[in-house]
Amino acid sequence: MNLFAPISSLMTDHKHLVTVNPEESLLKIKEIFDTHNFHHIPVVHFREIVGIISKSDFEHFMGGGSVYDDDRFINEMRLHRATAKDIMTKRLGKVESSDRLNVAVEIFTINRFHALPVVDDGELVGIITPYDILKALGEERAADPSLVYETIDTL
C-alpha cells in the first residue's frame, strides 16, 4: 500500500454512504446499525456534514445494551423522541479526498478517531476508517513471495 496515495483511493465514496439528517429519529439509526455492518453514520444537512454517530454513541445513549432489554416501552420512547442531533459528535476531524493516506493515519494515531469524513469544497464526498487502511494492508501481496513465505524443500 502506498501511504502517499490520495485518500480517495481507499475511502468509501458518497455514492455508497448511508447518511441521516439531524432530525432523523434514533429508530431509523437503530435500523441502519442493525441492517448494515458498519459503525459510523454521517449526519448531513444537504451535503454538508454536521456530525457523525458511532455505534458506540448510540449504545451509550441507549444505556449500554439496554436497547435490547426487557424495558421495551422506555426504549421505544427514547428511539422515537430522540434525534440524530441529540447524540451526534459535532466537532469532527475532516480530510480532503486529495490528502494523502499518511495524513489520515497520523490523525487516527494522534486523536484515536475511528472515522474521518472526507470533505471537498464543504461537501461530504466520502468517509475513511482505520478498517479501510487495515483491509488494504491485508490484501497486499509481496512482489516476490519467496521473500515472505518459507518454502519447505522435500528430500
N, C-alpha and C. Protein backbone atom coordinates (compact mmCIF):
# COMPACT_ATOMS: atom_id res chain seq x y z
N MET A 1 0.85 -1.18 0.00
CA MET A 1 0.00 0.00 0.00
C MET A 1 0.89 1.23 0.00
N ASN A 2 0.52 2.18 -0.78
CA ASN A 2 1.27 3.42 -0.88
C ASN A 2 0.64 4.45 0.06
N LEU A 3 1.33 4.77 1.14
CA LEU A 3 0.80 5.74 2.11
C LEU A 3 0.76 7.16 1.55
N PHE A 4 1.35 7.36 0.38
CA PHE A 4 1.31 8.69 -0.23
C PHE A 4 0.25 8.78 -1.34
N ALA A 5 -0.53 7.73 -1.46
CA ALA A 5 -1.67 7.75 -2.39
C ALA A 5 -2.76 8.63 -1.81
N PRO A 6 -3.62 9.19 -2.64
CA PRO A 6 -4.70 10.04 -2.11
C PRO A 6 -5.73 9.23 -1.33
N ILE A 7 -6.34 9.86 -0.37
CA ILE A 7 -7.38 9.22 0.44
C ILE A 7 -8.50 8.68 -0.45
N SER A 8 -8.76 9.36 -1.56
CA SER A 8 -9.82 8.91 -2.47
C SER A 8 -9.60 7.48 -2.97
N SER A 9 -8.36 6.99 -2.91
CA SER A 9 -8.09 5.64 -3.39
C SER A 9 -8.62 4.55 -2.45
N LEU A 10 -8.90 4.89 -1.19
CA LEU A 10 -9.41 3.89 -0.24
C LEU A 10 -10.75 4.25 0.40
N MET A 11 -11.14 5.48 0.33
CA MET A 11 -12.35 5.91 1.04
C MET A 11 -13.60 5.26 0.47
N THR A 12 -14.63 5.20 1.29
CA THR A 12 -15.96 4.84 0.81
C THR A 12 -16.55 6.13 0.26
N ASP A 13 -16.90 6.12 -1.02
CA ASP A 13 -17.37 7.39 -1.59
C ASP A 13 -18.85 7.63 -1.27
N HIS A 14 -19.28 8.87 -1.48
CA HIS A 14 -20.63 9.29 -1.07
C HIS A 14 -21.73 8.46 -1.72
N LYS A 15 -21.46 7.85 -2.86
CA LYS A 15 -22.48 7.03 -3.52
C LYS A 15 -22.81 5.77 -2.71
N HIS A 16 -21.86 5.35 -1.86
CA HIS A 16 -22.04 4.12 -1.08
C HIS A 16 -22.25 4.40 0.41
N LEU A 17 -22.35 5.67 0.78
CA LEU A 17 -22.56 6.02 2.18
C LEU A 17 -24.04 6.01 2.54
N VAL A 18 -24.32 5.62 3.76
CA VAL A 18 -25.65 5.77 4.32
C VAL A 18 -25.55 6.95 5.27
N THR A 19 -26.34 7.97 5.03
CA THR A 19 -26.31 9.16 5.87
C THR A 19 -27.70 9.42 6.43
N VAL A 20 -27.74 10.26 7.46
CA VAL A 20 -29.02 10.70 8.03
C VAL A 20 -28.98 12.21 8.17
N ASN A 21 -30.16 12.80 8.32
CA ASN A 21 -30.21 14.23 8.58
C ASN A 21 -30.31 14.45 10.10
N PRO A 22 -30.04 15.66 10.57
CA PRO A 22 -30.03 15.90 12.01
C PRO A 22 -31.35 15.61 12.72
N GLU A 23 -32.46 15.64 12.01
CA GLU A 23 -33.77 15.42 12.61
C GLU A 23 -34.22 13.96 12.57
N GLU A 24 -33.38 13.10 12.02
CA GLU A 24 -33.74 11.68 11.90
C GLU A 24 -33.91 11.07 13.29
N SER A 25 -34.92 10.24 13.44
CA SER A 25 -35.16 9.59 14.74
C SER A 25 -34.13 8.51 15.00
N LEU A 26 -33.93 8.23 16.27
CA LEU A 26 -32.99 7.16 16.62
C LEU A 26 -33.51 5.80 16.20
N LEU A 27 -34.80 5.68 16.00
CA LEU A 27 -35.36 4.42 15.50
C LEU A 27 -34.76 4.10 14.13
N LYS A 28 -34.68 5.11 13.27
CA LYS A 28 -34.08 4.93 11.94
C LYS A 28 -32.59 4.59 12.07
N ILE A 29 -31.91 5.25 13.00
CA ILE A 29 -30.49 4.99 13.21
C ILE A 29 -30.27 3.57 13.71
N LYS A 30 -31.13 3.11 14.60
CA LYS A 30 -31.06 1.72 15.08
C LYS A 30 -31.23 0.75 13.91
N GLU A 31 -32.19 1.03 13.04
CA GLU A 31 -32.43 0.17 11.87
C GLU A 31 -31.19 0.10 10.97
N ILE A 32 -30.55 1.25 10.80
CA ILE A 32 -29.34 1.29 9.96
C ILE A 32 -28.24 0.44 10.57
N PHE A 33 -27.98 0.62 11.86
CA PHE A 33 -26.94 -0.17 12.52
C PHE A 33 -27.29 -1.66 12.51
N ASP A 34 -28.57 -1.99 12.66
CA ASP A 34 -28.99 -3.40 12.68
C ASP A 34 -28.87 -4.07 11.33
N THR A 35 -28.98 -3.31 10.24
CA THR A 35 -29.00 -3.93 8.91
C THR A 35 -27.70 -3.78 8.13
N HIS A 36 -26.77 -2.96 8.62
CA HIS A 36 -25.50 -2.77 7.93
C HIS A 36 -24.34 -3.11 8.85
N ASN A 37 -23.26 -3.51 8.24
CA ASN A 37 -22.07 -3.88 9.01
C ASN A 37 -21.06 -2.73 9.02
N PHE A 38 -21.48 -1.59 9.56
CA PHE A 38 -20.55 -0.51 9.76
C PHE A 38 -20.86 0.18 11.07
N HIS A 39 -19.95 1.05 11.49
CA HIS A 39 -20.04 1.59 12.84
C HIS A 39 -20.15 3.11 12.91
N HIS A 40 -20.28 3.78 11.76
CA HIS A 40 -20.38 5.24 11.76
C HIS A 40 -21.39 5.69 10.72
N ILE A 41 -22.23 6.63 11.12
CA ILE A 41 -23.21 7.20 10.21
C ILE A 41 -22.99 8.71 10.16
N PRO A 42 -22.62 9.24 8.99
CA PRO A 42 -22.50 10.70 8.88
C PRO A 42 -23.88 11.36 8.97
N VAL A 43 -23.91 12.49 9.66
CA VAL A 43 -25.13 13.29 9.76
C VAL A 43 -24.92 14.50 8.86
N VAL A 44 -25.80 14.63 7.87
CA VAL A 44 -25.62 15.69 6.89
C VAL A 44 -26.86 16.57 6.78
N HIS A 45 -26.60 17.83 6.49
CA HIS A 45 -27.65 18.78 6.15
C HIS A 45 -27.39 19.13 4.70
N PHE A 46 -28.23 18.64 3.82
CA PHE A 46 -27.97 18.61 2.39
C PHE A 46 -26.70 17.79 2.20
N ARG A 47 -25.61 18.31 1.65
CA ARG A 47 -24.38 17.51 1.52
C ARG A 47 -23.30 17.97 2.48
N GLU A 48 -23.64 18.90 3.38
CA GLU A 48 -22.68 19.38 4.36
C GLU A 48 -22.73 18.51 5.62
N ILE A 49 -21.59 18.00 6.02
CA ILE A 49 -21.55 17.17 7.22
C ILE A 49 -21.64 18.06 8.45
N VAL A 50 -22.56 17.70 9.35
CA VAL A 50 -22.74 18.47 10.59
C VAL A 50 -22.43 17.62 11.82
N GLY A 51 -22.23 16.32 11.62
CA GLY A 51 -21.91 15.44 12.75
C GLY A 51 -21.71 14.02 12.28
N ILE A 52 -21.42 13.16 13.24
CA ILE A 52 -21.28 11.73 12.96
C ILE A 52 -21.76 10.97 14.19
N ILE A 53 -22.40 9.85 13.95
CA ILE A 53 -22.88 9.00 15.05
C ILE A 53 -22.17 7.66 14.94
N SER A 54 -21.52 7.27 16.02
CA SER A 54 -20.90 5.95 16.04
C SER A 54 -21.88 4.98 16.70
N LYS A 55 -21.68 3.73 16.45
CA LYS A 55 -22.50 2.71 17.09
C LYS A 55 -22.33 2.79 18.60
N SER A 56 -21.12 3.12 19.05
CA SER A 56 -20.86 3.29 20.49
C SER A 56 -21.65 4.46 21.06
N ASP A 57 -21.72 5.58 20.32
CA ASP A 57 -22.53 6.74 20.75
C ASP A 57 -23.98 6.31 20.95
N PHE A 58 -24.49 5.57 19.97
CA PHE A 58 -25.87 5.13 20.02
C PHE A 58 -26.11 4.22 21.22
N GLU A 59 -25.24 3.23 21.40
CA GLU A 59 -25.42 2.29 22.50
C GLU A 59 -25.27 2.98 23.86
N HIS A 60 -24.35 3.92 23.94
CA HIS A 60 -24.18 4.68 25.19
C HIS A 60 -25.45 5.47 25.51
N PHE A 61 -26.01 6.14 24.51
CA PHE A 61 -27.23 6.90 24.73
C PHE A 61 -28.38 6.01 25.19
N MET A 62 -28.42 4.81 24.64
CA MET A 62 -29.49 3.88 24.98
C MET A 62 -29.21 3.15 26.30
N GLY A 63 -28.11 3.46 26.96
CA GLY A 63 -27.81 2.85 28.25
C GLY A 63 -27.05 1.54 28.11
N GLY A 64 -26.03 1.54 27.29
CA GLY A 64 -25.26 0.31 27.06
C GLY A 64 -26.01 -0.56 26.09
N GLY A 65 -26.30 -1.75 26.46
CA GLY A 65 -27.04 -2.67 25.60
C GLY A 65 -28.53 -2.67 25.88
N SER A 66 -29.02 -1.70 26.67
CA SER A 66 -30.40 -1.74 27.13
C SER A 66 -31.43 -1.61 26.00
N VAL A 67 -30.98 -1.23 24.82
CA VAL A 67 -31.92 -1.13 23.71
C VAL A 67 -32.56 -2.49 23.42
N TYR A 68 -31.92 -3.56 23.86
CA TYR A 68 -32.44 -4.90 23.62
C TYR A 68 -32.98 -5.56 24.89
N ASP A 69 -33.04 -4.80 25.98
CA ASP A 69 -33.51 -5.37 27.24
C ASP A 69 -35.03 -5.43 27.28
N ASP A 70 -35.56 -5.89 28.43
CA ASP A 70 -36.99 -6.11 28.58
C ASP A 70 -37.81 -4.83 28.67
N ASP A 71 -37.22 -3.72 29.08
CA ASP A 71 -37.97 -2.49 29.26
C ASP A 71 -38.20 -1.81 27.91
N ARG A 72 -38.98 -2.45 27.08
CA ARG A 72 -39.19 -2.02 25.71
C ARG A 72 -39.91 -0.66 25.61
N PHE A 73 -40.82 -0.39 26.51
CA PHE A 73 -41.59 0.86 26.44
C PHE A 73 -40.68 2.07 26.53
N ILE A 74 -39.79 2.08 27.53
CA ILE A 74 -38.87 3.21 27.70
C ILE A 74 -37.93 3.32 26.51
N ASN A 75 -37.41 2.19 26.06
CA ASN A 75 -36.52 2.21 24.91
C ASN A 75 -37.22 2.70 23.65
N GLU A 76 -38.44 2.26 23.44
CA GLU A 76 -39.20 2.71 22.27
C GLU A 76 -39.44 4.22 22.31
N MET A 77 -39.74 4.74 23.51
CA MET A 77 -39.93 6.19 23.65
C MET A 77 -38.65 6.94 23.30
N ARG A 78 -37.53 6.45 23.81
CA ARG A 78 -36.24 7.09 23.51
C ARG A 78 -35.95 7.05 22.02
N LEU A 79 -36.22 5.91 21.38
CA LEU A 79 -35.95 5.76 19.96
C LEU A 79 -36.80 6.71 19.11
N HIS A 80 -38.04 6.94 19.53
CA HIS A 80 -38.94 7.81 18.76
C HIS A 80 -38.73 9.29 19.04
N ARG A 81 -38.38 9.64 20.27
CA ARG A 81 -38.28 11.05 20.65
C ARG A 81 -36.92 11.68 20.38
N ALA A 82 -35.86 10.93 20.54
CA ALA A 82 -34.52 11.49 20.34
C ALA A 82 -34.19 11.50 18.85
N THR A 83 -33.34 12.44 18.47
CA THR A 83 -32.94 12.58 17.08
C THR A 83 -31.42 12.47 16.94
N ALA A 84 -30.99 12.40 15.72
CA ALA A 84 -29.56 12.31 15.43
C ALA A 84 -28.79 13.45 16.07
N LYS A 85 -29.34 14.67 16.01
CA LYS A 85 -28.61 15.82 16.55
C LYS A 85 -28.44 15.73 18.06
N ASP A 86 -29.26 14.93 18.74
CA ASP A 86 -29.16 14.77 20.19
C ASP A 86 -27.92 13.96 20.60
N ILE A 87 -27.45 13.08 19.74
CA ILE A 87 -26.34 12.21 20.15
C ILE A 87 -25.12 12.30 19.24
N MET A 88 -25.20 13.04 18.14
CA MET A 88 -24.08 13.07 17.20
C MET A 88 -22.89 13.83 17.79
N THR A 89 -21.71 13.44 17.35
CA THR A 89 -20.48 14.18 17.65
C THR A 89 -20.41 15.31 16.65
N LYS A 90 -20.25 16.54 17.17
CA LYS A 90 -20.28 17.71 16.29
C LYS A 90 -18.90 18.21 15.90
N ARG A 91 -17.95 18.09 16.79
CA ARG A 91 -16.60 18.57 16.49
C ARG A 91 -15.84 17.45 15.82
N LEU A 92 -15.66 17.58 14.52
CA LEU A 92 -15.11 16.49 13.72
C LEU A 92 -13.74 16.82 13.14
N GLY A 93 -12.91 15.82 13.06
CA GLY A 93 -11.73 15.91 12.23
C GLY A 93 -12.17 15.59 10.81
N LYS A 94 -11.63 16.29 9.86
CA LYS A 94 -12.01 16.06 8.46
C LYS A 94 -10.75 16.03 7.60
N VAL A 95 -10.84 15.36 6.49
CA VAL A 95 -9.77 15.34 5.50
C VAL A 95 -10.39 15.61 4.13
N GLU A 96 -9.52 15.92 3.17
CA GLU A 96 -9.96 16.09 1.79
C GLU A 96 -9.57 14.85 0.99
N SER A 97 -10.28 14.61 -0.08
CA SER A 97 -10.02 13.40 -0.87
C SER A 97 -8.62 13.42 -1.48
N SER A 98 -8.04 14.59 -1.67
CA SER A 98 -6.70 14.69 -2.25
C SER A 98 -5.59 14.58 -1.20
N ASP A 99 -5.96 14.63 0.10
CA ASP A 99 -4.95 14.43 1.15
C ASP A 99 -4.39 13.02 1.00
N ARG A 100 -3.18 12.83 1.48
CA ARG A 100 -2.52 11.53 1.39
C ARG A 100 -2.96 10.62 2.53
N LEU A 101 -2.90 9.33 2.30
CA LEU A 101 -3.28 8.36 3.33
C LEU A 101 -2.47 8.52 4.61
N ASN A 102 -1.21 8.92 4.50
CA ASN A 102 -0.40 9.10 5.70
C ASN A 102 -0.96 10.20 6.61
N VAL A 103 -1.66 11.17 6.04
CA VAL A 103 -2.31 12.21 6.83
C VAL A 103 -3.43 11.58 7.67
N ALA A 104 -4.23 10.73 7.06
CA ALA A 104 -5.31 10.05 7.79
C ALA A 104 -4.73 9.16 8.88
N VAL A 105 -3.66 8.42 8.57
CA VAL A 105 -3.03 7.55 9.57
C VAL A 105 -2.56 8.38 10.75
N GLU A 106 -1.94 9.51 10.48
CA GLU A 106 -1.46 10.37 11.57
C GLU A 106 -2.62 10.89 12.42
N ILE A 107 -3.70 11.30 11.79
CA ILE A 107 -4.87 11.78 12.53
C ILE A 107 -5.46 10.66 13.37
N PHE A 108 -5.60 9.47 12.80
CA PHE A 108 -6.12 8.34 13.55
C PHE A 108 -5.24 8.02 14.75
N THR A 109 -3.94 8.06 14.55
CA THR A 109 -3.00 7.72 15.61
C THR A 109 -3.00 8.74 16.74
N ILE A 110 -2.94 10.00 16.41
CA ILE A 110 -2.84 11.06 17.41
C ILE A 110 -4.16 11.24 18.16
N ASN A 111 -5.26 11.24 17.43
CA ASN A 111 -6.56 11.58 18.03
C ASN A 111 -7.41 10.37 18.39
N ARG A 112 -6.99 9.20 17.98
CA ARG A 112 -7.74 7.97 18.22
C ARG A 112 -9.15 8.02 17.65
N PHE A 113 -9.30 8.73 16.53
CA PHE A 113 -10.57 8.74 15.81
C PHE A 113 -10.77 7.37 15.17
N HIS A 114 -12.01 7.03 14.92
CA HIS A 114 -12.32 5.77 14.27
C HIS A 114 -12.95 5.97 12.90
N ALA A 115 -13.17 7.23 12.52
CA ALA A 115 -13.69 7.56 11.20
C ALA A 115 -13.40 9.02 10.91
N LEU A 116 -13.09 9.29 9.66
CA LEU A 116 -12.87 10.66 9.23
C LEU A 116 -13.75 10.95 8.02
N PRO A 117 -14.62 11.95 8.14
CA PRO A 117 -15.36 12.38 6.96
C PRO A 117 -14.39 12.97 5.94
N VAL A 118 -14.64 12.70 4.67
CA VAL A 118 -13.85 13.25 3.59
C VAL A 118 -14.70 14.35 2.95
N VAL A 119 -14.18 15.57 2.99
CA VAL A 119 -14.95 16.74 2.57
C VAL A 119 -14.17 17.51 1.51
N ASP A 120 -14.80 17.79 0.40
CA ASP A 120 -14.23 18.64 -0.65
C ASP A 120 -15.17 19.80 -0.89
N ASP A 121 -14.64 21.01 -0.87
CA ASP A 121 -15.43 22.22 -1.11
C ASP A 121 -16.68 22.28 -0.22
N GLY A 122 -16.55 21.85 1.04
CA GLY A 122 -17.63 21.93 2.00
C GLY A 122 -18.66 20.82 1.92
N GLU A 123 -18.51 19.92 0.95
CA GLU A 123 -19.48 18.82 0.80
C GLU A 123 -18.87 17.48 1.16
N LEU A 124 -19.67 16.64 1.81
CA LEU A 124 -19.24 15.28 2.15
C LEU A 124 -19.12 14.47 0.87
N VAL A 125 -17.92 13.92 0.63
CA VAL A 125 -17.70 13.09 -0.56
C VAL A 125 -17.34 11.66 -0.20
N GLY A 126 -17.13 11.38 1.10
CA GLY A 126 -16.79 10.03 1.49
C GLY A 126 -16.43 9.94 2.96
N ILE A 127 -15.95 8.78 3.35
CA ILE A 127 -15.51 8.54 4.72
C ILE A 127 -14.37 7.53 4.65
N ILE A 128 -13.42 7.67 5.55
CA ILE A 128 -12.32 6.70 5.64
C ILE A 128 -12.17 6.30 7.09
N THR A 129 -11.86 5.03 7.29
CA THR A 129 -11.71 4.48 8.64
C THR A 129 -10.39 3.70 8.72
N PRO A 130 -9.92 3.46 9.94
CA PRO A 130 -8.73 2.61 10.08
C PRO A 130 -8.96 1.22 9.45
N TYR A 131 -10.18 0.73 9.49
CA TYR A 131 -10.50 -0.56 8.89
C TYR A 131 -10.18 -0.56 7.39
N ASP A 132 -10.50 0.55 6.71
CA ASP A 132 -10.21 0.64 5.27
C ASP A 132 -8.72 0.47 5.01
N ILE A 133 -7.92 1.10 5.87
CA ILE A 133 -6.46 1.03 5.71
C ILE A 133 -5.95 -0.36 6.05
N LEU A 134 -6.44 -0.94 7.15
CA LEU A 134 -6.02 -2.29 7.53
C LEU A 134 -6.42 -3.32 6.48
N LYS A 135 -7.61 -3.16 5.92
CA LYS A 135 -8.08 -4.08 4.89
C LYS A 135 -7.17 -4.02 3.67
N ALA A 136 -6.77 -2.81 3.26
CA ALA A 136 -5.86 -2.66 2.12
C ALA A 136 -4.51 -3.30 2.42
N LEU A 137 -4.02 -3.12 3.63
CA LEU A 137 -2.76 -3.75 4.01
C LEU A 137 -2.87 -5.28 3.98
N GLY A 138 -3.99 -5.79 4.46
CA GLY A 138 -4.19 -7.24 4.48
C GLY A 138 -4.31 -7.86 3.11
N GLU A 139 -4.75 -7.09 2.13
CA GLU A 139 -4.90 -7.59 0.77
C GLU A 139 -3.63 -7.47 -0.05
N GLU A 140 -2.64 -6.79 0.51
CA GLU A 140 -1.38 -6.58 -0.20
C GLU A 140 -0.59 -7.87 -0.30
N ARG A 141 0.01 -8.10 -1.42
CA ARG A 141 0.82 -9.30 -1.64
C ARG A 141 2.25 -8.87 -1.99
N ALA A 142 3.19 -9.64 -1.55
CA ALA A 142 4.60 -9.36 -1.81
C ALA A 142 4.90 -9.56 -3.29
N ALA A 143 5.78 -8.73 -3.84
CA ALA A 143 6.19 -8.87 -5.23
C ALA A 143 6.91 -10.21 -5.44
N ASP A 144 7.69 -10.61 -4.45
CA ASP A 144 8.39 -11.89 -4.51
C ASP A 144 8.01 -12.70 -3.28
N PRO A 145 7.00 -13.58 -3.37
CA PRO A 145 6.51 -14.33 -2.21
C PRO A 145 7.60 -15.14 -1.51
N SER A 146 8.65 -15.51 -2.21
CA SER A 146 9.70 -16.29 -1.56
C SER A 146 10.42 -15.48 -0.48
N LEU A 147 10.32 -14.17 -0.54
CA LEU A 147 10.93 -13.32 0.48
C LEU A 147 10.08 -13.27 1.75
N VAL A 148 8.83 -13.67 1.65
CA VAL A 148 7.90 -13.59 2.77
C VAL A 148 7.57 -14.97 3.32
N TYR A 149 7.30 -15.90 2.44
CA TYR A 149 6.85 -17.22 2.86
C TYR A 149 7.99 -18.22 2.74
N GLU A 150 8.14 -19.02 3.76
CA GLU A 150 9.15 -20.07 3.75
C GLU A 150 8.69 -21.21 2.88
N THR A 151 9.60 -21.78 2.15
CA THR A 151 9.26 -22.99 1.41
C THR A 151 9.98 -24.16 2.07
N ILE A 152 9.32 -25.27 2.08
CA ILE A 152 9.90 -26.47 2.68
C ILE A 152 10.34 -27.37 1.54
N ASP A 153 11.62 -27.60 1.49
CA ASP A 153 12.15 -28.49 0.45
C ASP A 153 11.93 -29.94 0.89
N THR A 154 11.47 -30.73 -0.01
CA THR A 154 11.29 -32.15 0.30
C THR A 154 12.52 -32.91 -0.16
N LEU A 155 12.86 -33.91 0.59
CA LEU A 155 14.03 -34.72 0.25
C LEU A 155 13.66 -35.92 -0.55
